[in-house]
Amino acid sequence: MIRFTRTFVFALLATCSAGLASAQTVPSSFKDMQFLVKPGDRVTVIDASGAKVTGRISELDSSTLSITSATGPRRFAQDDVVVVRQRRPDPLKNGALIGAAFGAGMGLMTELSCGGYEYCGQAGWVTLGSTVWGLGVGVFTDALLKTSTDVFRHGPGTMSSWTVSPLVGPGTTGARLALRW
């Protein structure tokens, strides 16, 4: 029985493969960002000077974003904004899958190291129980997590050129990197 279980687990793990990962596209215009956020949502705006402003959206149209922050109302043109981020809840599905897989693995290892039917009782109950516990812990953990997600990023191709030049002088050696956009 133990040999069959080990063979089955090995075959299962050998045939599993990761799915194709694809990046999510982030809107590069305020018009497209309107599908992700609405007035009243809390966001963090990073402008072209690198300043961060966090507040609630008071107005959003295709060319301007207005937010109300602790320092007062701020208005941004699309060209002045580098990134807009919003804290969103983590999807529960991945936590459930990771937790269930971890719980099942721990339960299976426990059963395989148990020493047979006399010591463990019915086969599969420990694995099933730990899978359910792992699923619950994964969902609970994901329910508590919020991650920052970019809901706007300045359009691609904004960096027009970059140059590298050597810096050599008395007691100085290095390189200068210049980015222009």
C-alpha atoms as a PDB file:
ATOM      1  CA  MET A   1       0.000   0.000   0.000  1.00  0.00           C
ATOM      2  CA  ILE A   2       2.772   2.450   0.930  1.00  0.00           C
ATOM      3  CA  ARG A   3       4.715   1.639  -2.233  1.00  0.00           C
ATOM      4  CA  PHE A   4       1.613   2.267  -4.373  1.00  0.00           C
ATOM      5  CA  THR A   5       0.982   5.591  -2.606  1.00  0.00           C
ATOM      6  CA  ARG A   6       4.558   6.751  -3.104  1.00  0.00           C
ATOM      7  CA  THR A   7       4.445   5.775  -6.779  1.00  0.00           C
ATOM      8  CA  PHE A   8       1.129   7.578  -7.206  1.00  0.00           C
ATOM      9  CA  VAL A   9       2.433  10.761  -5.532  1.00  0.00           C
ATOM     10  CA  PHE A  10       5.605  10.696  -7.632  1.00  0.00           C
ATOM     11  CA  ALA A  11       3.592  10.237 -10.849  1.00  0.00           C
ATOM     12  CA  LEU A  12       1.236  13.051  -9.846  1.00  0.00           C
ATOM     13  CA  LEU A  13       4.073  15.471  -9.127  1.00  0.00           C
ATOM     14  CA  ALA A  14       5.946  14.477 -12.291  1.00  0.00           C
ATOM     15  CA  THR A  15       2.952  15.254 -14.507  1.00  0.00           C
ATOM     16  CA  CYS A  16       2.117  18.605 -12.907  1.00  0.00           C
ATOM     17  CA  SER A  17       3.340  21.671 -14.734  1.00  0.00           C
ATOM     18  CA  ALA A  18       3.025  25.390 -14.246  1.00  0.00           C
ATOM     19  CA  GLY A  19       0.610  27.299 -16.436  1.00  0.00           C
ATOM     20  CA  LEU A  20       1.675  30.030 -18.791  1.00  0.00           C
ATOM     21  CA  ALA A  21       2.094  33.284 -16.904  1.00  0.00           C
ATOM     22  CA  SER A  22       0.974  36.468 -18.588  1.00  0.00           C
ATOM     23  CA  ALA A  23       1.292  40.030 -17.429  1.00  0.00           C
ATOM     24  CA  GLN A  24      -1.734  42.161 -16.848  1.00  0.00           C
ATOM     25  CA  THR A  25      -1.925  45.293 -18.904  1.00  0.00           C
ATOM     26  CA  VAL A  26      -2.008  48.529 -16.945  1.00  0.00           C
ATOM     27  CA  PRO A  27      -3.984  51.424 -18.456  1.00  0.00           C
ATOM     28  CA  SER A  28      -1.850  54.206 -19.869  1.00  0.00           C
ATOM     29  CA  SER A  29      -4.661  56.756 -20.188  1.00  0.00           C
ATOM     30  CA  PHE A  30      -7.117  58.247 -17.720  1.00  0.00           C
ATOM     31  CA  LYS A  31      -9.928  57.211 -20.060  1.00  0.00           C
ATOM     32  CA  ASP A  32      -9.001  53.530 -19.644  1.00  0.00           C
ATOM     33  CA  MET A  33      -8.364  53.979 -15.912  1.00  0.00           C
ATOM     34  CA  GLN A  34     -12.048  54.918 -15.466  1.00  0.00           C
ATOM     35  CA  PHE A  35     -12.928  51.214 -15.833  1.00  0.00           C
ATOM     36  CA  LEU A  36     -10.830  50.330 -12.749  1.00  0.00           C
ATOM     37  CA  VAL A  37     -11.469  53.190 -10.313  1.00  0.00           C
ATOM     38  CA  LYS A  38     -14.273  55.638  -9.635  1.00  0.00           C
ATOM     39  CA  PRO A  39     -14.816  58.773  -7.545  1.00  0.00           C
ATOM     40  CA  GLY A  40     -14.558  57.928  -3.850  1.00  0.00           C
ATOM     41  CA  ASP A  41     -11.834  55.284  -4.299  1.00  0.00           C
ATOM     42  CA  ARG A  42      -8.607  55.760  -2.325  1.00  0.00           C
ATOM     43  CA  VAL A  43      -5.463  55.956  -4.500  1.00  0.00           C
ATOM     44  CA  THR A  44      -1.809  56.977  -4.334  1.00  0.00           C
ATOM     45  CA  VAL A  45      -0.531  59.241  -7.116  1.00  0.00           C
ATOM     46  CA  ILE A  46       3.162  59.587  -7.956  1.00  0.00           C
ATOM     47  CA  ASP A  47       3.754  62.621 -10.129  1.00  0.00           C
ATOM     48  CA  ALA A  48       6.605  63.467 -12.509  1.00  0.00           C
ATOM     49  CA  SER A  49       8.630  65.114  -9.705  1.00  0.00           C
ATOM     50  CA  GLY A  50       8.460  61.895  -7.636  1.00  0.00           C
ATOM     51  CA  ALA A  51       6.071  63.281  -5.003  1.00  0.00           C
ATOM     52  CA  LYS A  52       3.514  60.853  -3.543  1.00  0.00           C
ATOM     53  CA  VAL A  53       0.002  62.017  -2.728  1.00  0.00           C
ATOM     54  CA  THR A  54      -2.593  59.699  -1.193  1.00  0.00           C
ATOM     55  CA  GLY A  55      -6.272  60.562  -1.132  1.00  0.00           C
ATOM     56  CA  ARG A  56      -9.743  59.868  -2.468  1.00  0.00           C
ATOM     57  CA  ILE A  57     -10.693  60.500  -6.081  1.00  0.00           C
ATOM     58  CA  SER A  58     -13.087  63.425  -6.296  1.00  0.00           C
ATOM     59  CA  GLU A  59     -13.187  63.688 -10.093  1.00  0.00           C
ATOM     60  CA  LEU A  60     -11.833  61.643 -12.985  1.00  0.00           C
ATOM     61  CA  ASP A  61     -12.243  62.308 -16.689  1.00  0.00           C
ATOM     62  CA  SER A  62     -10.198  61.525 -19.790  1.00  0.00           C
ATOM     63  CA  SER A  63      -7.646  64.310 -19.173  1.00  0.00           C
ATOM     64  CA  THR A  64      -7.579  65.143 -15.440  1.00  0.00           C
ATOM     65  CA  LEU A  65      -7.591  63.416 -12.065  1.00  0.00           C
ATOM     66  CA  SER A  66      -8.642  65.294  -8.930  1.00  0.00           C
ATOM     67  CA  ILE A  67      -8.087  63.852  -5.479  1.00  0.00           C
ATOM     68  CA  THR A  68      -8.805  65.084  -1.983  1.00  0.00           C
ATOM     69  CA  SER A  69      -5.871  64.396   0.334  1.00  0.00           C
ATOM     70  CA  ALA A  70      -4.921  65.338   3.881  1.00  0.00           C
ATOM     71  CA  THR A  71      -3.125  68.412   2.508  1.00  0.00           C
ATOM     72  CA  GLY A  72      -6.140  69.539   0.486  1.00  0.00           C
ATOM     73  CA  PRO A  73      -7.470  69.007  -3.035  1.00  0.00           C
ATOM     74  CA  ARG A  74      -4.993  68.263  -5.829  1.00  0.00           C
ATOM     75  CA  ARG A  75      -5.560  68.217  -9.574  1.00  0.00           C
ATOM     76  CA  PHE A  76      -3.326  66.278 -11.988  1.00  0.00           C
ATOM     77  CA  ALA A  77      -3.121  66.316 -15.766  1.00  0.00           C
ATOM     78  CA  GLN A  78      -2.478  62.940 -17.402  1.00  0.00           C
ATOM     79  CA  ASP A  79       1.008  63.964 -18.577  1.00  0.00           C
ATOM     80  CA  ASP A  80       2.011  64.972 -15.013  1.00  0.00           C
ATOM     81  CA  VAL A  81       1.274  61.548 -13.500  1.00  0.00           C
ATOM     82  CA  VAL A  82       3.742  58.644 -13.585  1.00  0.00           C
ATOM     83  CA  VAL A  83       1.806  56.006 -11.593  1.00  0.00           C
ATOM     84  CA  VAL A  84      -1.555  55.695  -9.840  1.00  0.00           C
ATOM     85  CA  ARG A  85      -1.823  52.825  -7.323  1.00  0.00           C
ATOM     86  CA  GLN A  86      -4.733  51.402  -5.406  1.00  0.00           C
ATOM     87  CA  ARG A  87      -4.672  48.912  -2.502  1.00  0.00           C
ATOM     88  CA  ARG A  88      -6.920  46.009  -3.429  1.00  0.00           C
ATOM     89  CA  PRO A  89      -7.816  42.790  -1.634  1.00  0.00           C
ATOM     90  CA  ASP A  90      -5.849  39.725  -2.641  1.00  0.00           C
ATOM     91  CA  PRO A  91      -7.940  37.151  -4.585  1.00  0.00           C
ATOM     92  CA  LEU A  92      -9.047  34.294  -2.302  1.00  0.00           C
ATOM     93  CA  LYS A  93      -8.653  31.632  -4.993  1.00  0.00           C
ATOM     94  CA  ASN A  94      -4.851  31.483  -4.939  1.00  0.00           C
ATOM     95  CA  GLY A  95      -4.753  31.351  -1.135  1.00  0.00           C
ATOM     96  CA  ALA A  96      -7.253  28.505  -1.132  1.00  0.00           C
ATOM     97  CA  LEU A  97      -5.252  26.552  -3.710  1.00  0.00           C
ATOM     98  CA  ILE A  98      -1.887  27.126  -2.035  1.00  0.00           C
ATOM     99  CA  GLY A  99      -3.254  26.345   1.423  1.00  0.00           C
ATOM    100  CA  ALA A 100      -5.035  23.187   0.236  1.00  0.00           C
ATOM    101  CA  ALA A 101      -1.939  21.967  -1.608  1.00  0.00           C
ATOM    102  CA  PHE A 102       0.287  22.599   1.403  1.00  0.00           C
ATOM    103  CA  GLY A 103      -2.197  20.916   3.760  1.00  0.00           C
ATOM    104  CA  ALA A 104      -2.565  17.918   1.454  1.00  0.00           C
ATOM    105  CA  GLY A 105       1.204  17.558   1.191  1.00  0.00           C
ATOM    106  CA  MET A 106       1.647  17.685   4.956  1.00  0.00           C
ATOM    107  CA  GLY A 107      -1.181  15.194   5.515  1.00  0.00           C
ATOM    108  CA  LEU A 108       0.185  12.831   2.889  1.00  0.00           C
ATOM    109  CA  MET A 109       3.675  12.971   4.396  1.00  0.00           C
ATOM    110  CA  THR A 110       2.165  12.260   7.816  1.00  0.00           C
ATOM    111  CA  GLU A 111       0.303   9.242   6.503  1.00  0.00           C
ATOM    112  CA  LEU A 112       3.314   7.908   4.604  1.00  0.00           C
ATOM    113  CA  SER A 113       5.501   8.157   7.694  1.00  0.00           C
ATOM    114  CA  CYS A 114       2.878   6.649   9.982  1.00  0.00           C
ATOM    115  CA  GLY A 115       3.912   3.034   9.597  1.00  0.00           C
ATOM    116  CA  GLY A 116       0.866   1.289   8.257  1.00  0.00           C
ATOM    117  CA  TYR A 117      -2.770   0.615   8.998  1.00  0.00           C
ATOM    118  CA  GLU A 118      -2.299  -0.512  12.618  1.00  0.00           C
ATOM    119  CA  TYR A 119      -1.012   2.890  13.745  1.00  0.00           C
ATOM    120  CA  CYS A 120      -2.890   5.314  11.503  1.00  0.00           C
ATOM    121  CA  GLY A 121      -6.374   3.936  11.075  1.00  0.00           C
ATOM    122  CA  GLN A 122      -8.251   4.642   7.862  1.00  0.00           C
ATOM    123  CA  ALA A 123      -6.005   5.793   5.034  1.00  0.00           C
ATOM    124  CA  GLY A 124      -6.755   9.219   3.614  1.00  0.00           C
ATOM    125  CA  TRP A 125      -8.495  10.833   6.588  1.00  0.00           C
ATOM    126  CA  VAL A 126      -5.392  12.658   7.822  1.00  0.00           C
ATOM    127  CA  THR A 127      -4.699  13.956   4.314  1.00  0.00           C
ATOM    128  CA  LEU A 128      -8.298  15.045   3.834  1.00  0.00           C
ATOM    129  CA  GLY A 129      -8.401  16.795   7.213  1.00  0.00           C
ATOM    130  CA  SER A 130      -5.146  18.649   6.734  1.00  0.00           C
ATOM    131  CA  THR A 131      -6.242  19.664   3.209  1.00  0.00           C
ATOM    132  CA  VAL A 132      -9.392  21.258   4.636  1.00  0.00           C
ATOM    133  CA  TRP A 133      -7.406  23.018   7.381  1.00  0.00           C
ATOM    134  CA  GLY A 134      -4.853  24.262   4.834  1.00  0.00           C
ATOM    135  CA  LEU A 135      -7.635  25.564   2.587  1.00  0.00           C
ATOM    136  CA  GLY A 136      -9.162  27.460   5.510  1.00  0.00           C
ATOM    137  CA  VAL A 137      -5.856  28.984   6.574  1.00  0.00           C
ATOM    138  CA  GLY A 138      -5.090  30.029   2.970  1.00  0.00           C
ATOM    139  CA  VAL A 139      -8.471  31.729   2.511  1.00  0.00           C
ATOM    140  CA  PHE A 140      -8.216  33.454   5.908  1.00  0.00           C
ATOM    141  CA  THR A 141      -4.712  34.727   5.133  1.00  0.00           C
ATOM    142  CA  ASP A 142      -5.729  36.089   1.727  1.00  0.00           C
ATOM    143  CA  ALA A 143      -8.784  37.767   3.248  1.00  0.00           C
ATOM    144  CA  LEU A 144      -6.448  39.803   5.466  1.00  0.00           C
ATOM    145  CA  LEU A 145      -4.018  40.825   2.687  1.00  0.00           C
ATOM    146  CA  LYS A 146      -4.249  43.930   0.523  1.00  0.00           C
ATOM    147  CA  THR A 147      -1.741  44.569  -2.240  1.00  0.00           C
ATOM    148  CA  SER A 148      -0.901  47.761  -4.109  1.00  0.00           C
ATOM    149  CA  THR A 149      -1.925  47.470  -7.737  1.00  0.00           C
ATOM    150  CA  ASP A 150      -1.040  49.911 -10.491  1.00  0.00           C
ATOM    151  CA  VAL A 151      -4.256  51.230 -12.056  1.00  0.00           C
ATOM    152  CA  PHE A 152      -2.445  53.736 -14.298  1.00  0.00           C
ATOM    153  CA  ARG A 153       1.096  53.933 -15.600  1.00  0.00           C
ATOM    154  CA  HIS A 154       2.433  56.591 -17.948  1.00  0.00           C
ATOM    155  CA  GLY A 155       2.303  55.228 -21.475  1.00  0.00           C
ATOM    156  CA  PRO A 156       4.986  53.019 -22.988  1.00  0.00           C
ATOM    157  CA  GLY A 157       7.737  54.499 -25.069  1.00  0.00           C
ATOM    158  CA  THR A 158       8.044  57.630 -22.984  1.00  0.00           C
ATOM    159  CA  MET A 159      11.800  57.211 -22.546  1.00  0.00           C
ATOM    160  CA  SER A 160      13.230  58.610 -25.746  1.00  0.00           C
ATOM    161  CA  SER A 161      16.940  58.093 -25.163  1.00  0.00           C
ATOM    162  CA  TRP A 162      19.658  57.134 -22.748  1.00  0.00           C
ATOM    163  CA  THR A 163      23.380  57.714 -22.798  1.00  0.00           C
ATOM    164  CA  VAL A 164      26.324  56.436 -20.821  1.00  0.00           C
ATOM    165  CA  SER A 165      29.540  58.415 -20.638  1.00  0.00           C
ATOM    166  CA  PRO A 166      32.740  57.779 -18.687  1.00  0.00           C
ATOM    167  CA  LEU A 167      33.777  59.977 -15.779  1.00  0.00           C
ATOM    168  CA  VAL A 168      37.539  60.192 -15.433  1.00  0.00           C
ATOM    169  CA  GLY A 169      39.420  62.743 -13.383  1.00  0.00           C
ATOM    170  CA  PRO A 170      42.020  63.092 -10.663  1.00  0.00           C
ATOM    171  CA  GLY A 171      40.969  60.507  -8.061  1.00  0.00           C
ATOM    172  CA  THR A 172      37.630  59.898  -9.806  1.00  0.00           C
ATOM    173  CA  THR A 173      36.536  57.027 -11.977  1.00  0.00           C
ATOM    174  CA  GLY A 174      32.970  56.093 -12.869  1.00  0.00           C
ATOM    175  CA  ALA A 175      30.157  56.394 -15.349  1.00  0.00           C
ATOM    176  CA  ARG A 176      27.329  58.863 -15.904  1.00  0.00           C
ATOM    177  CA  LEU A 177      23.931  57.595 -16.991  1.00  0.00           C
ATOM    178  CA  ALA A 178      21.485  60.078 -18.497  1.00  0.00           C
ATOM    179  CA  LEU A 179      17.843  59.245 -19.226  1.00  0.00           C
ATOM    180  CA  ARG A 180      15.637  61.549 -21.286  1.00  0.00           C
ATOM    181  CA  TRP A 181      11.907  61.285 -21.702  1.00  0.00           C
END
